Amino acid sequence: MFNPFEPGFAANPYPHLREQRETEPIQKLPFGPWMLFEHADSMALLRNTSTSVDVANATSLDPEREKLREALIDEVAPESKGRERLAILNIDPPDHTRLRKLVSSVFTPRRIGELQPMIERVVNEHLDAVEAKGSMDLVPDLAFPLPFTVISEMLGMPTEHREQVREWSHTLVRILDFTISEDETRAALIAGSKMREHLRGVIDWKRDNPADDLLTAMIRAEADGDKMSDAELLEQVTLLYIAGHETTVNLIGNGTWALLQNRDQLERWRDGDADDTVAIDELLRYDSPVQLSRRIAMVPMEIHGEQIDPGSFVFTSL
C-alpha cells in the first residue's frame, strides 16, 4: 500500500506517484487520511471552499497518538498549546484574509527587492568561505546556512544566539512528520517552546529599539485600523523560520542535483539562454521541496466514487 512517509518515498517519489496516478488516483492511507494523485483532482481540492486548513475541524487520525501528543504538550510546552493554529498557513477565511492583508502590507515587492544587495552579500560570504576551504559540500556549506542567515538578516535579528535558533528550528520542523517517535516529538516540542521564548524576547526588544527591518515593519503593520496580536506576530515569525528555511534548503539541494543530471539545461542557464525567474520556477516544479499539501473536508465529498466524511484529512500530491 502507498505510504508517502516511508523513507524510500522521499528518496525518489516520482515512480510511486506515477504508478498511483495510472492505477489508483485516490487511496486511503494506512494511518487514515485520503490521498489524491491526479493534477485535476488536486487543483479542485485546493480550490474547494468547502474544505479547511484548521486542524480543529479534523477528526483525529490516531486518537491514542493524539492523546499522547497532548500529554507531551502539557508536560513540556503547555504555553504552546494551540499556537500552530495562529500561523497564516493554518487559518481559514475570514481570519486568514485579515492576517494575509497585514502580512502583505509588509512583504511588498519593493521591500523584497530592496533585500537583494543583502542576499548577494550573504551568498558571497558563504562562497568566499568555501573558496578559502578549497572544497564544498553543498548542503552544510551553503544550502543549510544560507536561508537561515537571510531570514535572520531581513528580520533584523541579533547575531548572537542565531546558531541556537537554527538548531531549535531544525528540531521543531520534525513535528510535521506523522511518523516521529515519542522522544522526537518531545524534543520538537521543547525546541519550539525555547525558540518561541527567545523570539518573544527579541520582539519585545525590537519594540523599544525599532530599525529599518522586516520585524519592525511587522510590529508596526496596520490595515483598516487592525494590527497583529502579540501571539499572531510571534507565530508568523516562527513560521518564517520553519517554512522559509527547510523549503529553501531543499530547493537548493534538489535544484543543483537536477541541473547536474541535466547538464544541457545547466549550460543554457549559464549561457544566459534561460530567464532566472523562469528557471527557478521550473526547478520548484520539477522536484518540489514540498511534495504534499492537505485539506480537511467540511462536508461529505465524493471523489472517484470514494465517500469522504467531514473531518477527514485529504492529502494531495504536488
C-alpha atoms as a PDB file:
ATOM      1  CA  MET A   1       0.000   0.000   0.000  1.00  0.00           C
ATOM      2  CA  PHE A   2       1.198   3.506  -0.847  1.00  0.00           C
ATOM      3  CA  ASN A   3       2.713   5.356   2.123  1.00  0.00           C
ATOM      4  CA  PRO A   4       4.318   8.779   1.487  1.00  0.00           C
ATOM      5  CA  PHE A   5       6.013   8.706   4.884  1.00  0.00           C
ATOM      6  CA  GLU A   6       8.155   5.647   4.174  1.00  0.00           C
ATOM      7  CA  PRO A   7      11.879   6.541   3.914  1.00  0.00           C
ATOM      8  CA  GLY A   8      12.176   5.254   0.347  1.00  0.00           C
ATOM      9  CA  PHE A   9       9.424   7.552  -0.899  1.00  0.00           C
ATOM     10  CA  ALA A  10      11.306  10.745  -0.088  1.00  0.00           C
ATOM     11  CA  ALA A  11      14.416   9.496  -1.900  1.00  0.00           C
ATOM     12  CA  ASN A  12      12.534   9.182  -5.216  1.00  0.00           C
ATOM     13  CA  PRO A  13       8.770   9.687  -5.036  1.00  0.00           C
ATOM     14  CA  TYR A  14       8.057  10.002  -8.745  1.00  0.00           C
ATOM     15  CA  PRO A  15       7.835   6.326  -9.821  1.00  0.00           C
ATOM     16  CA  HIS A  16       5.425   5.711  -6.924  1.00  0.00           C
ATOM     17  CA  LEU A  17       3.309   8.743  -7.815  1.00  0.00           C
ATOM     18  CA  ARG A  18       3.208   7.790 -11.498  1.00  0.00           C
ATOM     19  CA  GLU A  19       2.036   4.281 -10.652  1.00  0.00           C
ATOM     20  CA  GLN A  20      -0.689   5.629  -8.376  1.00  0.00           C
ATOM     21  CA  ARG A  21      -1.955   8.082 -10.999  1.00  0.00           C
ATOM     22  CA  GLU A  22      -2.247   5.251 -13.504  1.00  0.00           C
ATOM     23  CA  THR A  23      -3.756   2.604 -11.229  1.00  0.00           C
ATOM     24  CA  GLU A  24      -5.426   4.200  -8.203  1.00  0.00           C
ATOM     25  CA  PRO A  25      -5.871   8.005  -8.371  1.00  0.00           C
ATOM     26  CA  ILE A  26      -7.348   8.117  -4.855  1.00  0.00           C
ATOM     27  CA  GLN A  27      -6.351   5.942  -1.945  1.00  0.00           C
ATOM     28  CA  LYS A  28      -6.934   5.776   1.781  1.00  0.00           C
ATOM     29  CA  LEU A  29      -3.562   5.673   3.527  1.00  0.00           C
ATOM     30  CA  PRO A  30      -2.731   3.219   6.332  1.00  0.00           C
ATOM     31  CA  PHE A  31      -2.975   5.857   9.075  1.00  0.00           C
ATOM     32  CA  GLY A  32      -6.339   7.283   7.993  1.00  0.00           C
ATOM     33  CA  PRO A  33      -6.220  10.214   5.535  1.00  0.00           C
ATOM     34  CA  TRP A  34      -7.114  10.120   1.872  1.00  0.00           C
ATOM     35  CA  MET A  35      -4.530  10.836  -0.823  1.00  0.00           C
ATOM     36  CA  LEU A  36      -5.128  12.289  -4.300  1.00  0.00           C
ATOM     37  CA  PHE A  37      -2.682  11.807  -7.172  1.00  0.00           C
ATOM     38  CA  GLU A  38      -4.162  13.407 -10.303  1.00  0.00           C
ATOM     39  CA  HIS A  39      -3.497  17.053 -11.136  1.00  0.00           C
ATOM     40  CA  ALA A  40      -7.140  17.898 -11.839  1.00  0.00           C
ATOM     41  CA  ASP A  41      -8.267  16.378  -8.527  1.00  0.00           C
ATOM     42  CA  SER A  42      -5.530  18.216  -6.646  1.00  0.00           C
ATOM     43  CA  MET A  43      -6.445  21.582  -8.148  1.00  0.00           C
ATOM     44  CA  ALA A  44     -10.134  21.001  -7.456  1.00  0.00           C
ATOM     45  CA  LEU A  45      -9.392  20.161  -3.820  1.00  0.00           C
ATOM     46  CA  LEU A  46      -7.136  23.173  -3.234  1.00  0.00           C
ATOM     47  CA  ARG A  47      -9.805  25.484  -4.706  1.00  0.00           C
ATOM     48  CA  ASN A  48     -12.714  23.872  -2.864  1.00  0.00           C
ATOM     49  CA  THR A  49     -14.178  26.359  -0.393  1.00  0.00           C
ATOM     50  CA  SER A  50     -15.885  23.514   1.489  1.00  0.00           C
ATOM     51  CA  THR A  51     -12.532  22.443   2.913  1.00  0.00           C
ATOM     52  CA  SER A  52     -10.450  23.759   5.794  1.00  0.00           C
ATOM     53  CA  VAL A  53      -6.800  24.040   6.833  1.00  0.00           C
ATOM     54  CA  ASP A  54      -7.642  24.415  10.536  1.00  0.00           C
ATOM     55  CA  VAL A  55      -6.847  21.159  12.366  1.00  0.00           C
ATOM     56  CA  ALA A  56      -9.586  21.963  14.873  1.00  0.00           C
ATOM     57  CA  ASN A  57     -12.025  20.841  12.159  1.00  0.00           C
ATOM     58  CA  ALA A  58     -10.351  17.446  11.720  1.00  0.00           C
ATOM     59  CA  THR A  59     -11.289  14.079  13.113  1.00  0.00           C
ATOM     60  CA  SER A  60      -8.232  12.652  14.868  1.00  0.00           C
ATOM     61  CA  LEU A  61      -6.277  10.259  12.644  1.00  0.00           C
ATOM     62  CA  ASP A  62      -4.979   8.312  15.618  1.00  0.00           C
ATOM     63  CA  PRO A  63      -6.765   9.073  18.925  1.00  0.00           C
ATOM     64  CA  GLU A  64      -4.124   7.319  21.028  1.00  0.00           C
ATOM     65  CA  ARG A  65      -1.274   9.121  19.303  1.00  0.00           C
ATOM     66  CA  GLU A  66      -3.107  12.439  19.599  1.00  0.00           C
ATOM     67  CA  LYS A  67      -3.727  11.802  23.300  1.00  0.00           C
ATOM     68  CA  LEU A  68      -0.014  11.114  23.791  1.00  0.00           C
ATOM     69  CA  ARG A  69       0.913  14.290  21.911  1.00  0.00           C
ATOM     70  CA  GLU A  70      -1.452  16.388  24.039  1.00  0.00           C
ATOM     71  CA  ALA A  71       0.052  14.865  27.189  1.00  0.00           C
ATOM     72  CA  LEU A  72       3.545  15.730  25.963  1.00  0.00           C
ATOM     73  CA  ILE A  73       2.474  19.314  25.254  1.00  0.00           C
ATOM     74  CA  ASP A  74       1.061  19.609  28.775  1.00  0.00           C
ATOM     75  CA  GLU A  75       4.313  18.165  30.141  1.00  0.00           C
ATOM     76  CA  VAL A  76       7.000  20.129  28.291  1.00  0.00           C
ATOM     77  CA  ALA A  77       5.361  23.046  26.436  1.00  0.00           C
ATOM     78  CA  PRO A  78       1.939  23.937  27.875  1.00  0.00           C
ATOM     79  CA  GLU A  79       2.221  27.546  26.698  1.00  0.00           C
ATOM     80  CA  SER A  80       2.416  26.381  23.063  1.00  0.00           C
ATOM     81  CA  LYS A  81      -0.964  24.604  23.054  1.00  0.00           C
ATOM     82  CA  GLY A  82      -2.950  25.730  20.025  1.00  0.00           C
ATOM     83  CA  ARG A  83      -0.214  28.121  18.916  1.00  0.00           C
ATOM     84  CA  GLU A  84       0.219  26.499  15.487  1.00  0.00           C
ATOM     85  CA  ARG A  85      -3.392  27.443  14.684  1.00  0.00           C
ATOM     86  CA  LEU A  86      -2.346  31.125  14.681  1.00  0.00           C
ATOM     87  CA  ALA A  87       0.087  30.646  11.780  1.00  0.00           C
ATOM     88  CA  ILE A  88      -1.248  32.012   8.498  1.00  0.00           C
ATOM     89  CA  LEU A  89      -0.961  28.604   6.782  1.00  0.00           C
ATOM     90  CA  ASN A  90      -3.351  27.064   9.319  1.00  0.00           C
ATOM     91  CA  ILE A  91      -6.128  29.659   9.336  1.00  0.00           C
ATOM     92  CA  ASP A  92      -9.336  29.741   7.284  1.00  0.00           C
ATOM     93  CA  PRO A  93     -11.091  32.854   5.962  1.00  0.00           C
ATOM     94  CA  PRO A  94     -12.121  35.381   7.146  1.00  0.00           C
ATOM     95  CA  ASP A  95      -9.304  35.292   9.728  1.00  0.00           C
ATOM     96  CA  HIS A  96      -6.840  34.224   7.024  1.00  0.00           C
ATOM     97  CA  THR A  97      -7.920  37.133   4.816  1.00  0.00           C
ATOM     98  CA  ARG A  98      -7.417  39.595   7.663  1.00  0.00           C
ATOM     99  CA  LEU A  99      -3.976  38.250   8.603  1.00  0.00           C
ATOM    100  CA  ARG A 100      -2.850  37.993   4.984  1.00  0.00           C
ATOM    101  CA  LYS A 101      -3.705  41.653   4.464  1.00  0.00           C
ATOM    102  CA  LEU A 102      -1.496  42.615   7.408  1.00  0.00           C
ATOM    103  CA  VAL A 103       1.419  40.415   6.333  1.00  0.00           C
ATOM    104  CA  SER A 104       1.147  41.512   2.691  1.00  0.00           C
ATOM    105  CA  SER A 105       1.476  45.137   3.762  1.00  0.00           C
ATOM    106  CA  VAL A 106       4.991  44.257   4.971  1.00  0.00           C
ATOM    107  CA  PHE A 107       6.210  41.885   2.260  1.00  0.00           C
ATOM    108  CA  THR A 108       5.721  44.240  -0.672  1.00  0.00           C
ATOM    109  CA  PRO A 109       7.574  43.784  -3.993  1.00  0.00           C
ATOM    110  CA  ARG A 110       9.517  46.977  -3.328  1.00  0.00           C
ATOM    111  CA  ARG A 111      10.650  45.878   0.121  1.00  0.00           C
ATOM    112  CA  ILE A 112      11.588  42.401  -1.110  1.00  0.00           C
ATOM    113  CA  GLY A 113      13.552  43.954  -3.984  1.00  0.00           C
ATOM    114  CA  GLU A 114      15.492  46.065  -1.504  1.00  0.00           C
ATOM    115  CA  LEU A 115      16.765  42.849   0.108  1.00  0.00           C
ATOM    116  CA  GLN A 116      18.754  41.848  -2.999  1.00  0.00           C
ATOM    117  CA  PRO A 117      22.063  43.525  -2.016  1.00  0.00           C
ATOM    118  CA  MET A 118      21.942  41.880   1.414  1.00  0.00           C
ATOM    119  CA  ILE A 119      21.174  38.465  -0.084  1.00  0.00           C
ATOM    120  CA  GLU A 120      24.018  38.807  -2.597  1.00  0.00           C
ATOM    121  CA  ARG A 121      26.384  39.780   0.226  1.00  0.00           C
ATOM    122  CA  VAL A 122      25.398  36.769   2.335  1.00  0.00           C
ATOM    123  CA  VAL A 123      25.764  34.389  -0.623  1.00  0.00           C
ATOM    124  CA  ASN A 124      29.201  35.804  -1.435  1.00  0.00           C
ATOM    125  CA  GLU A 125      30.304  35.439   2.186  1.00  0.00           C
ATOM    126  CA  HIS A 126      29.396  31.746   2.143  1.00  0.00           C
ATOM    127  CA  LEU A 127      31.089  31.197  -1.230  1.00  0.00           C
ATOM    128  CA  ASP A 128      34.224  33.020  -0.046  1.00  0.00           C
ATOM    129  CA  ALA A 129      34.382  30.659   2.932  1.00  0.00           C
ATOM    130  CA  VAL A 130      34.091  27.682   0.580  1.00  0.00           C
ATOM    131  CA  GLU A 131      36.839  29.046  -1.664  1.00  0.00           C
ATOM    132  CA  ALA A 132      39.135  29.525   1.316  1.00  0.00           C
ATOM    133  CA  LYS A 133      38.479  25.954   2.429  1.00  0.00           C
ATOM    134  CA  GLY A 134      39.214  24.588  -1.032  1.00  0.00           C
ATOM    135  CA  SER A 135      36.246  22.214  -1.219  1.00  0.00           C
ATOM    136  CA  MET A 136      32.486  22.291  -0.897  1.00  0.00           C
ATOM    137  CA  ASP A 137      29.728  20.110   0.465  1.00  0.00           C
ATOM    138  CA  LEU A 138      26.678  21.892  -0.931  1.00  0.00           C
ATOM    139  CA  VAL A 139      24.138  21.360   1.840  1.00  0.00           C
ATOM    140  CA  PRO A 140      26.189  22.059   5.004  1.00  0.00           C
ATOM    141  CA  ASP A 141      28.357  24.728   3.340  1.00  0.00           C
ATOM    142  CA  LEU A 142      25.644  26.688   1.509  1.00  0.00           C
ATOM    143  CA  ALA A 143      22.112  25.310   1.268  1.00  0.00           C
ATOM    144  CA  PHE A 144      21.559  24.843   5.018  1.00  0.00           C
ATOM    145  CA  PRO A 145      23.110  28.024   6.490  1.00  0.00           C
ATOM    146  CA  LEU A 146      22.195  30.439   3.682  1.00  0.00           C
ATOM    147  CA  PRO A 147      18.391  30.741   4.035  1.00  0.00           C
ATOM    148  CA  PHE A 148      18.571  30.931   7.812  1.00  0.00           C
ATOM    149  CA  THR A 149      21.100  33.761   7.641  1.00  0.00           C
ATOM    150  CA  VAL A 150      18.997  35.618   5.059  1.00  0.00           C
ATOM    151  CA  ILE A 151      15.827  35.275   7.160  1.00  0.00           C
ATOM    152  CA  SER A 152      17.664  36.499  10.269  1.00  0.00           C
ATOM    153  CA  GLU A 153      19.197  39.441   8.398  1.00  0.00           C
ATOM    154  CA  MET A 154      15.940  40.571   6.807  1.00  0.00           C
ATOM    155  CA  LEU A 155      14.154  40.404  10.177  1.00  0.00           C
ATOM    156  CA  GLY A 156      16.999  42.292  11.855  1.00  0.00           C
ATOM    157  CA  MET A 157      17.674  39.528  14.373  1.00  0.00           C
ATOM    158  CA  PRO A 158      20.677  39.970  16.703  1.00  0.00           C
ATOM    159  CA  THR A 159      23.677  37.907  15.583  1.00  0.00           C
ATOM    160  CA  GLU A 160      24.154  36.287  18.973  1.00  0.00           C
ATOM    161  CA  HIS A 161      22.141  33.105  19.537  1.00  0.00           C
ATOM    162  CA  ARG A 162      21.465  32.669  15.786  1.00  0.00           C
ATOM    163  CA  GLU A 163      23.122  29.265  15.780  1.00  0.00           C
ATOM    164  CA  GLN A 164      20.930  28.166  18.682  1.00  0.00           C
ATOM    165  CA  VAL A 165      17.775  29.426  16.941  1.00  0.00           C
ATOM    166  CA  ARG A 166      18.782  27.478  13.825  1.00  0.00           C
ATOM    167  CA  GLU A 167      19.132  24.286  15.874  1.00  0.00           C
ATOM    168  CA  TRP A 168      15.736  24.857  17.504  1.00  0.00           C
ATOM    169  CA  SER A 169      14.140  25.482  14.107  1.00  0.00           C
ATOM    170  CA  HIS A 170      15.662  22.352  12.585  1.00  0.00           C
ATOM    171  CA  THR A 171      14.414  20.243  15.507  1.00  0.00           C
ATOM    172  CA  LEU A 172      10.953  21.833  15.616  1.00  0.00           C
ATOM    173  CA  VAL A 173      10.185  21.161  11.941  1.00  0.00           C
ATOM    174  CA  ARG A 174      10.184  17.432  12.706  1.00  0.00           C
ATOM    175  CA  ILE A 175       6.811  17.926  14.418  1.00  0.00           C
ATOM    176  CA  LEU A 176       5.243  17.955  10.929  1.00  0.00           C
ATOM    177  CA  ASP A 177       6.244  14.314  10.380  1.00  0.00           C
ATOM    178  CA  PHE A 178       3.408  11.891  11.194  1.00  0.00           C
ATOM    179  CA  THR A 179       5.891   9.080  11.875  1.00  0.00           C
ATOM    180  CA  ILE A 180       8.193  10.581  14.527  1.00  0.00           C
ATOM    181  CA  SER A 181       8.708   8.787  17.823  1.00  0.00           C
ATOM    182  CA  GLU A 182       7.627   9.931  21.284  1.00  0.00           C
ATOM    183  CA  ASP A 183      11.171  11.085  22.092  1.00  0.00           C
ATOM    184  CA  GLU A 184      11.401  13.019  18.808  1.00  0.00           C
ATOM    185  CA  THR A 185       8.021  14.632  19.497  1.00  0.00           C
ATOM    186  CA  ARG A 186       9.165  15.671  22.965  1.00  0.00           C
ATOM    187  CA  ALA A 187      12.404  17.122  21.567  1.00  0.00           C
ATOM    188  CA  ALA A 188      10.493  19.058  18.886  1.00  0.00           C
ATOM    189  CA  LEU A 189       8.046  20.499  21.416  1.00  0.00           C
ATOM    190  CA  ILE A 190      10.852  21.552  23.758  1.00  0.00           C
ATOM    191  CA  ALA A 191      12.723  23.167  20.856  1.00  0.00           C
ATOM    192  CA  GLY A 192       9.574  25.019  19.804  1.00  0.00           C
ATOM    193  CA  SER A 193       8.979  26.265  23.339  1.00  0.00           C
ATOM    194  CA  LYS A 194      12.545  27.538  23.704  1.00  0.00           C
ATOM    195  CA  MET A 195      12.510  29.104  20.251  1.00  0.00           C
ATOM    196  CA  ARG A 196       9.255  30.963  20.898  1.00  0.00           C
ATOM    197  CA  GLU A 197      10.509  32.176  24.276  1.00  0.00           C
ATOM    198  CA  HIS A 198      13.648  33.546  22.636  1.00  0.00           C
ATOM    199  CA  LEU A 199      11.771  35.165  19.731  1.00  0.00           C
ATOM    200  CA  ARG A 200       9.279  36.713  22.145  1.00  0.00           C
ATOM    201  CA  GLY A 201      12.183  38.411  23.914  1.00  0.00           C
ATOM    202  CA  VAL A 202      13.621  39.650  20.613  1.00  0.00           C
ATOM    203  CA  ILE A 203      10.234  41.068  19.581  1.00  0.00           C
ATOM    204  CA  ASP A 204       9.898  42.888  22.913  1.00  0.00           C
ATOM    205  CA  TRP A 205      13.420  44.302  22.492  1.00  0.00           C
ATOM    206  CA  LYS A 206      12.660  45.355  18.921  1.00  0.00           C
ATOM    207  CA  ARG A 207       9.586  47.302  20.059  1.00  0.00           C
ATOM    208  CA  ASP A 208      11.918  49.507  22.126  1.00  0.00           C
ATOM    209  CA  ASN A 209      14.681  49.514  19.511  1.00  0.00           C
ATOM    210  CA  PRO A 210      12.980  49.813  16.097  1.00  0.00           C
ATOM    211  CA  ALA A 211      15.062  49.639  12.947  1.00  0.00           C
ATOM    212  CA  ASP A 212      14.713  49.518   9.172  1.00  0.00           C
ATOM    213  CA  ASP A 213      13.967  45.791   9.055  1.00  0.00           C
ATOM    214  CA  LEU A 214      11.034  43.461   8.433  1.00  0.00           C
ATOM    215  CA  LEU A 215      10.455  42.598  12.087  1.00  0.00           C
ATOM    216  CA  THR A 216       9.948  46.257  12.954  1.00  0.00           C
ATOM    217  CA  ALA A 217       7.638  46.552   9.943  1.00  0.00           C
ATOM    218  CA  MET A 218       5.643  43.524  11.121  1.00  0.00           C
ATOM    219  CA  ILE A 219       5.309  45.016  14.606  1.00  0.00           C
ATOM    220  CA  ARG A 220       4.033  48.272  13.104  1.00  0.00           C
ATOM    221  CA  ALA A 221       1.872  46.670  10.383  1.00  0.00           C
ATOM    222  CA  GLU A 222      -1.673  48.011  10.318  1.00  0.00           C
ATOM    223  CA  ALA A 223      -4.597  47.581   7.932  1.00  0.00           C
ATOM    224  CA  ASP A 224      -8.039  49.122   8.358  1.00  0.00           C
ATOM    225  CA  GLY A 225      -7.165  50.016  11.943  1.00  0.00           C
ATOM    226  CA  ASP A 226      -6.240  46.401  12.729  1.00  0.00           C
ATOM    227  CA  LYS A 227      -2.887  45.048  13.948  1.00  0.00           C
ATOM    228  CA  MET A 228      -1.490  41.610  14.681  1.00  0.00           C
ATOM    229  CA  SER A 229      -1.785  40.459  18.276  1.00  0.00           C
ATOM    230  CA  ASP A 230       1.423  39.566  20.112  1.00  0.00           C
ATOM    231  CA  ALA A 231       0.612  35.862  19.727  1.00  0.00           C
ATOM    232  CA  GLU A 232      -0.105  36.206  15.992  1.00  0.00           C
ATOM    233  CA  LEU A 233       3.115  38.128  15.417  1.00  0.00           C
ATOM    234  CA  LEU A 234       5.162  35.504  17.251  1.00  0.00           C
ATOM    235  CA  GLU A 235       3.684  32.667  15.181  1.00  0.00           C
ATOM    236  CA  GLN A 236       4.310  34.414  11.849  1.00  0.00           C
ATOM    237  CA  VAL A 237       7.970  34.960  12.775  1.00  0.00           C
ATOM    238  CA  THR A 238       8.271  31.329  13.880  1.00  0.00           C
ATOM    239  CA  LEU A 239       6.625  30.222  10.622  1.00  0.00           C
ATOM    240  CA  LEU A 240       9.111  32.265   8.581  1.00  0.00           C
ATOM    241  CA  TYR A 241      11.953  30.275  10.081  1.00  0.00           C
ATOM    242  CA  ILE A 242      10.229  26.881   9.811  1.00  0.00           C
ATOM    243  CA  ALA A 243       8.697  27.210   6.343  1.00  0.00           C
ATOM    244  CA  GLY A 244      11.273  29.527   4.807  1.00  0.00           C
ATOM    245  CA  HIS A 245      14.358  27.628   5.906  1.00  0.00           C
ATOM    246  CA  GLU A 246      13.636  23.952   5.190  1.00  0.00           C
ATOM    247  CA  THR A 247      11.994  24.578   1.824  1.00  0.00           C
ATOM    248  CA  THR A 248      14.875  26.723   0.576  1.00  0.00           C
ATOM    249  CA  VAL A 249      17.469  24.197   1.743  1.00  0.00           C
ATOM    250  CA  ASN A 250      15.702  21.513  -0.271  1.00  0.00           C
ATOM    251  CA  LEU A 251      15.213  23.765  -3.306  1.00  0.00           C
ATOM    252  CA  ILE A 252      18.947  24.477  -3.487  1.00  0.00           C
ATOM    253  CA  GLY A 253      19.847  20.821  -2.970  1.00  0.00           C
ATOM    254  CA  ASN A 254      17.239  19.327  -5.305  1.00  0.00           C
ATOM    255  CA  GLY A 255      17.740  22.035  -7.912  1.00  0.00           C
ATOM    256  CA  THR A 256      21.513  21.619  -8.034  1.00  0.00           C
ATOM    257  CA  TRP A 257      21.169  17.853  -8.337  1.00  0.00           C
ATOM    258  CA  ALA A 258      18.622  18.230 -11.158  1.00  0.00           C
ATOM    259  CA  LEU A 259      20.916  20.590 -13.065  1.00  0.00           C
ATOM    260  CA  LEU A 260      23.891  18.256 -12.670  1.00  0.00           C
ATOM    261  CA  GLN A 261      21.753  15.437 -14.069  1.00  0.00           C
ATOM    262  CA  ASN A 262      20.639  17.641 -16.998  1.00  0.00           C
ATOM    263  CA  ARG A 263      23.793  19.480 -17.952  1.00  0.00           C
ATOM    264  CA  ASP A 264      22.360  20.814 -21.197  1.00  0.00           C
ATOM    265  CA  GLN A 265      19.870  22.803 -19.113  1.00  0.00           C
ATOM    266  CA  LEU A 266      22.654  23.947 -16.793  1.00  0.00           C
ATOM    267  CA  GLU A 267      24.674  25.201 -19.764  1.00  0.00           C
ATOM    268  CA  ARG A 268      21.644  27.039 -21.179  1.00  0.00           C
ATOM    269  CA  TRP A 269      21.238  28.850 -17.871  1.00  0.00           C
ATOM    270  CA  ARG A 270      24.953  29.633 -17.633  1.00  0.00           C
ATOM    271  CA  ASP A 271      24.941  30.988 -21.187  1.00  0.00           C
ATOM    272  CA  GLY A 272      22.043  33.313 -20.420  1.00  0.00           C
ATOM    273  CA  ASP A 273      19.523  31.440 -22.569  1.00  0.00           C
ATOM    274  CA  ALA A 274      17.135  30.956 -19.628  1.00  0.00           C
ATOM    275  CA  ASP A 275      15.462  33.684 -17.582  1.00  0.00           C
ATOM    276  CA  ASP A 276      16.387  33.375 -13.894  1.00  0.00           C
ATOM    277  CA  THR A 277      12.794  33.599 -12.672  1.00  0.00           C
ATOM    278  CA  VAL A 278      11.579  31.001 -15.175  1.00  0.00           C
ATOM    279  CA  ALA A 279      14.464  28.698 -14.262  1.00  0.00           C
ATOM    280  CA  ILE A 280      13.736  28.877 -10.528  1.00  0.00           C
ATOM    281  CA  ASP A 281      10.020  28.298 -11.129  1.00  0.00           C
ATOM    282  CA  GLU A 282      10.869  25.236 -13.212  1.00  0.00           C
ATOM    283  CA  LEU A 283      13.179  23.830 -10.524  1.00  0.00           C
ATOM    284  CA  LEU A 284      10.376  24.317  -7.986  1.00  0.00           C
ATOM    285  CA  ARG A 285       8.010  22.428 -10.281  1.00  0.00           C
ATOM    286  CA  TYR A 286      10.414  19.714 -11.432  1.00  0.00           C
ATOM    287  CA  ASP A 287      11.476  18.444  -8.000  1.00  0.00           C
ATOM    288  CA  SER A 288       9.449  20.379  -5.479  1.00  0.00           C
ATOM    289  CA  PRO A 289      10.801  20.799  -1.933  1.00  0.00           C
ATOM    290  CA  VAL A 290       7.178  20.425  -0.778  1.00  0.00           C
ATOM    291  CA  GLN A 291       5.620  17.201  -2.061  1.00  0.00           C
ATOM    292  CA  LEU A 292       2.251  17.248  -0.291  1.00  0.00           C
ATOM    293  CA  SER A 293      -0.478  19.648   0.721  1.00  0.00           C
ATOM    294  CA  ARG A 294      -3.563  18.900   2.773  1.00  0.00           C
ATOM    295  CA  ARG A 295      -7.115  19.962   3.385  1.00  0.00           C
ATOM    296  CA  ILE A 296      -9.847  18.873   5.783  1.00  0.00           C
ATOM    297  CA  ALA A 297     -13.274  18.027   4.380  1.00  0.00           C
ATOM    298  CA  MET A 298     -16.023  20.166   5.923  1.00  0.00           C
ATOM    299  CA  VAL A 299     -18.891  18.457   4.079  1.00  0.00           C
ATOM    300  CA  PRO A 300     -19.375  14.957   2.636  1.00  0.00           C
ATOM    301  CA  MET A 301     -17.329  14.634  -0.568  1.00  0.00           C
ATOM    302  CA  GLU A 302     -17.169  12.053  -3.346  1.00  0.00           C
ATOM    303  CA  ILE A 303     -14.021  11.657  -5.456  1.00  0.00           C
ATOM    304  CA  HIS A 304     -13.667   8.818  -7.978  1.00  0.00           C
ATOM    305  CA  GLY A 305     -16.551   7.033  -6.284  1.00  0.00           C
ATOM    306  CA  GLU A 306     -14.984   7.179  -2.812  1.00  0.00           C
ATOM    307  CA  GLN A 307     -17.015   8.724   0.004  1.00  0.00           C
ATOM    308  CA  ILE A 308     -15.042  11.156   2.173  1.00  0.00           C
ATOM    309  CA  ASP A 309     -16.582  12.073   5.514  1.00  0.00           C
ATOM    310  CA  PRO A 310     -16.492  15.549   7.089  1.00  0.00           C
ATOM    311  CA  GLY A 311     -13.438  15.928   9.309  1.00  0.00           C
ATOM    312  CA  SER A 312     -11.292  13.694   7.104  1.00  0.00           C
ATOM    313  CA  PHE A 313      -7.795  14.749   6.106  1.00  0.00           C
ATOM    314  CA  VAL A 314      -7.243  14.747   2.342  1.00  0.00           C
ATOM    315  CA  PHE A 315      -3.642  14.918   1.150  1.00  0.00           C
ATOM    316  CA  THR A 316      -2.796  15.851  -2.383  1.00  0.00           C
ATOM    317  CA  SER A 317       0.372  15.317  -4.370  1.00  0.00           C
ATOM    318  CA  LEU A 318       2.061  18.455  -5.654  1.00  0.00           C
END
